[in-house]
């Protein structure tokens, strides 16, 4: 059973720090994908300002996903580490779990 309490009540300073951390993230998705919607719902619930890259409307985003992540499957969360290393996370359940662990 999911906890529906508001876990995102943050001070303005805390939200600013979360926003700063989200600058290193990008979600590759498209609107009609049910797995993408699951991730988007969690992003909204956690009040995260993550850049969205629609792979159906933006061929450059699709190409970037293929070149960087190795496949065009969505959703995919691109995580750029402070070291500059990039990690491509596929699978909606893994992305949601990672977001909850990091930002909830």
Protein backbone atom coordinates (compact mmCIF):
# COMPACT_ATOMS: atom_id res chain seq x y z
CA UNK A 1 0.00 0.00 0.00
CA UNK A 2 1.36 3.39 -0.98
CA UNK A 3 1.79 6.17 1.52
CA UNK A 4 -0.18 9.14 0.21
CA UNK A 5 1.15 11.66 2.71
CA UNK A 6 2.82 14.72 1.27
CA UNK A 7 6.50 13.89 1.40
CA UNK A 8 7.48 16.94 -0.63
CA UNK A 9 6.77 19.72 1.87
CA UNK A 10 10.07 21.57 1.62
CA UNK A 11 11.30 24.95 2.70
CA UNK A 12 12.21 27.28 -0.19
CA UNK A 13 15.88 26.59 0.55
CA UNK A 14 15.34 22.81 0.46
CA UNK A 15 13.42 23.10 -2.81
CA UNK A 16 16.22 25.22 -4.29
CA UNK A 17 18.71 22.47 -3.41
CA UNK A 18 16.44 19.80 -4.95
CA UNK A 19 16.12 21.97 -8.08
CA UNK A 20 19.92 22.25 -8.24
CA UNK A 21 20.26 18.46 -8.00
CA UNK A 22 17.63 17.96 -10.71
CA UNK A 23 19.72 19.98 -13.17
CA UNK A 24 21.85 16.86 -13.65
CA UNK A 25 18.80 14.78 -14.67
CA UNK A 26 16.82 14.40 -17.89
CA UNK A 27 13.91 12.06 -18.56
CA UNK A 28 13.51 10.68 -22.07
CA UNK A 29 9.83 9.93 -22.60
CA UNK A 30 6.74 10.42 -24.71
CA UNK A 31 3.22 11.25 -23.61
CA UNK A 32 1.29 8.12 -24.61
CA UNK A 33 3.74 5.70 -22.91
CA UNK A 34 2.07 4.27 -19.76
CA UNK A 35 5.43 3.54 -18.12
CA UNK A 36 6.52 7.13 -18.77
CA UNK A 37 3.30 8.39 -17.19
CA UNK A 38 4.10 6.36 -14.08
CA UNK A 39 7.48 8.11 -13.79
CA UNK A 40 6.00 11.52 -14.63
CA UNK A 41 3.41 11.06 -11.88
CA UNK A 42 6.19 10.41 -9.36
CA UNK A 43 8.18 13.42 -10.59
CA UNK A 44 5.09 15.57 -10.05
CA UNK A 45 4.35 14.02 -6.65
CA UNK A 46 7.91 14.72 -5.49
CA UNK A 47 7.87 18.27 -6.95
CA UNK A 48 10.94 17.67 -9.09
CA UNK A 49 11.99 19.99 -11.90
CA UNK A 50 13.48 17.42 -14.24
CA UNK A 51 14.02 18.24 -17.90
CA UNK A 52 11.74 16.21 -20.17
CA UNK A 53 12.89 15.11 -23.61
CA UNK A 54 10.13 13.77 -25.83
CA UNK A 55 11.66 11.16 -28.12
CA UNK A 56 8.66 11.11 -30.47
CA UNK A 57 8.57 14.86 -31.09
CA UNK A 58 12.31 15.54 -30.96
CA UNK A 59 14.49 13.40 -33.27
CA UNK A 60 17.63 14.84 -31.65
CA UNK A 61 16.47 13.57 -28.24
CA UNK A 62 15.82 10.11 -29.73
CA UNK A 63 19.28 10.10 -31.32
CA UNK A 64 20.89 11.25 -28.08
CA UNK A 65 19.12 8.44 -26.19
CA UNK A 66 20.25 5.83 -28.73
CA UNK A 67 23.85 7.06 -28.73
CA UNK A 68 24.16 7.56 -24.99
CA UNK A 69 21.99 4.81 -23.56
CA UNK A 70 22.34 2.28 -26.33
CA UNK A 71 18.60 1.92 -27.02
CA UNK A 72 15.59 4.10 -27.71
CA UNK A 73 13.39 2.51 -25.03
CA UNK A 74 11.54 4.94 -22.76
CA UNK A 75 11.32 5.95 -20.02
CA UNK A 76 15.00 6.51 -19.49
CA UNK A 77 16.50 8.77 -16.86
CA UNK A 78 19.87 10.27 -17.74
CA UNK A 79 21.85 10.93 -14.59
CA UNK A 80 24.99 13.02 -14.91
CA UNK A 81 27.28 12.51 -11.92
CA UNK A 82 29.35 15.34 -10.44
CA UNK A 83 32.37 13.61 -12.01
CA UNK A 84 30.79 14.13 -15.44
CA UNK A 85 30.07 10.41 -15.86
CA UNK A 86 26.62 9.69 -17.31
CA UNK A 87 24.38 6.82 -16.24
CA UNK A 88 21.30 5.82 -18.25
CA UNK A 89 18.55 4.25 -16.11
CA UNK A 90 15.81 2.34 -17.90
CA UNK A 91 12.72 0.64 -16.39
CA UNK A 92 10.03 2.77 -14.78
CA UNK A 93 10.06 0.86 -11.48
CA UNK A 94 13.83 1.39 -11.11
CA UNK A 95 13.50 5.10 -11.94
CA UNK A 96 10.63 5.61 -9.46
CA UNK A 97 12.53 3.74 -6.72
CA UNK A 98 15.67 5.82 -7.37
CA UNK A 99 13.72 9.10 -7.31
CA UNK A 100 11.99 8.15 -4.05
CA UNK A 101 15.25 7.09 -2.43
CA UNK A 102 16.98 10.29 -3.49
CA UNK A 103 14.26 12.92 -3.06
CA UNK A 104 11.48 11.64 -0.74
